[in-house]
Amino acid sequence: MQEAVLRLASETVDVVIKTHPFAEILYWGPHLRHFSPQDAETLSRPIANGRLDVDSPVTLMAELSHGLFGAPGIEGHRQGRDGSPQFRTVAVSQQGQTLTLTAEDDQAGLRLTSEIALDDSGVLAIRHGLTNLKSQPWQVDRLAVTLPLAERAREVMAFHGRWIREFQPHRLLLEHDSFVIENRRGRSSHEHFPALISGTPGFSEMHGDVWGVHLGWSGNHRLRAEAKTDGRRYLQAEALYLPGEMAVEEGETLWTPRLYASYSAQGLNGMSQQFHRYLRDNIIRFPENKPRPVHLNTWEGIYFNHDPEYIMRMADEAASLGVERFIIDDGWFKGRNDDHAALGDWYLDEQKYPNGLTPVINHVKSLGMEFGIWVEPEMINPNSDLYRAHPDWVLALPGYEQATGRHQWVLNLNIPAAFNYLLERMSWLLGEHAVDYVKWDMNRELVQPGHNGKAAADAQTRQFYRLLDTLGERFPHVEFESCSSGGGRIDYEVLTRCHRFWASDNNDALERNTIQRGMSYFFPPEVMGAHIGHHKCHATFRQHSIAFRGLTALFGHMGLELDPLAVDEQEREGYRHYAALHKQWREVIHHGTQWRVDMPDSTTLAQGIVSQDQRQGLFIVSQLAMPDYTLMMPLRMPGLTASAQYRITLLDHPNIRLTGEGGHTMRKLPAWMESPQTVSGEWLMQAGLALPVLDPETAILIGVERV
């Protein structure tokens, strides 16, 4: 078949692919306005001495059989045979900016189908399907998506973390060898968010060439950035299979998770904005004209102490604060008085709720609020009626003692009876009660996950998807939140089934600043659950002002996580103020363009969101620690219309006082804080706005509006 060079094009990004004799991406970068297929001839590589006498391409599957010598994209065998496949393209189909390539290896008896789509946003989505053409099963050890990188992409950025400290970025220069992320926790994890970013050294929020990828998968994964000894570079991403876990039978096809990829010539902001646009256009499901309601979740307010009369009083107070959705958390079902028992027994606790849930739900709705409830269906306590009746329903390998985590085990969703039990109980909950919202939790990692004596982490993840899919079809009006001890299950694939994420179990405003910033690289604010917590944070015991807590929660899907009856009126007035402020700016926050602003002082974080029509902008500057410099540097405000005039408004600030009035940070305020100013968007973007000197763990909120 004749060699062909095809292009997928968007407004900002192009991908050029050589299709024969095997598929290879030649170019992934800025949009080419004058491209011609023959241009690709300039990239025909020399063959160096001291190596193979043939060219060794980095193909879509990165097969070792071409002499790659790096990490391959496929590893496996058929009882020790057919272990080094080499695919040749047999069919090509292009419809618009979507390309489907079919390649086969007749000797190994394998077919590879590659689906590559470039969205208008500039985001590339790619996945592979591996089909077994022989009668014997083909054991899959690895099956990855491989994307080449430009030679200038020498710096790598990834995210580490842990419970109550998710999405922490770190960087390294990759001159040689590989950088690898591996996760075996059975969820996307707090520790290793499935993403990698590579770029020109020193890339920042506003500057540099950046290539970012995210694997849409809620289970075990592996991501790699590799620099070959010949200087070429590539990224790989894959579901990670445990030993013996994955085999493809004759005629079956195994699909990789989708890899989502973004290139930006304008630094990390450009990458994030493409990802945000892609999610809003293709994945996020939410009624178009419905604002996302302000939450109150009862967890840190009452924990397991459920009293319907008291809960209804909490709802009364919540409604008076401007709350629009009231969520009852853990503790509502039979025997659930602490975290030692009852997971799996999804029946209402009639001792706590002798009249059922309906009176509480009706009361909440009579106040004009929606009603939500917490569940953790995938888990089972040893001390539960379900375990006593079905001890064989635990996800485990036979012959071993299964460790508990938070006093619980995992329910094996691969057992049809266990799956159907959960489906029936969740259908009872959602079908017999007027539930609008479900907080779906998952508080334990998978250890020795087994079904019928074999590893079953991948299968467990797929059954979780099936359960959510079925419930979503049965109850399309119900919204789901993905929570997993906070941010342990956050990815694009689960987002196709849920409506928002609980970013972290940590409501500490100081920690939330870095957690939420890290999450913003791949997710827009409207899917990020961000709550105002107690004055004294339950996760860290730090104490913060209501202003710092309120402003930090403002830039997400806002809520409260507390008992509004147990605080003084000053606190309640703060909740009321920030709920109202969030509603005032909600349209901009949840539909605008997000910008993270480079600041010279690492103790200062700045970000803003500008409306799609560039008429309004909302910017926050958070001072996390004692600043390195005496004065804060000016805040530049990207994303505005250069020729337009903007009125600057101080929307919220700590109690800034001058020295003569008993203050301690300044003798004189910036001029714009003392008298209204209107300036051009160009000036605000290029020169910026002088900032007041802030104390550690405080923030200032600034609005701009076109006049």
Foldseek 3Di string as FASTA:
>chain_A
DDWDWDWQFAPFWIWIWTPPQHIATQDTGGGDPDDDRVVSVVVPDDDDPPADPDDQGCHQQRFCVSVNPADGQWAWAQVNHLGGFDWGWDDWDDDRNWIWTWTDGVVSQKIKIKIWGQDNLRKIKIKIKIAHADATKIFTQHHKGKDWDDLQQFKKKFWAAAAQFAQFIDMDGHPAFKDKDWDAQLFCFRGGNAKMKTWHPPFDQFATKIKMKHFFATGIKMKMWHQDPVRIIMIIIFHGADPPRDIHGHGGMDMTTMMMMHIDRGGLLSLLLSLAVCCVVPAADDPPPDFQWAEEEACAAQNQDAALVLVLVLLVLCLVLRGAEYEYEPNQCDPGNDLQAAQVRLHGHCVRVVPDCAVSQVSNVVSNHAYEYEHANQKHACHHPVCVVCVVQFFAAPPDDDDDDSRITTGNLVPVVSVVSSLVSVCCVVVVYRHQEYEHEAAGTDDRGDDPRDHCSVVSSVSVVVSLVVVCVVCVRHAYEYYYQACTHDRRNVSSRHNAYRQHPWLPLLSLVSSVVSVSSNYAQARYEHEQEDQQTPVPRHGADLQSSLVSQLLHSYYYYHRPVPDDPVSSVSSSVSSVVSVVCVQQSRAFRKGWFDFPWPQKTKIKTAHPVQFKMKMKIARAAQTPDLFGAFQADPDHDQAFKKKKDFDDWPPDDAVVVPHDNHNDAFPCVVDIDIDGNNCSNPVHGGHGGDHHSIMTMMMIGTD
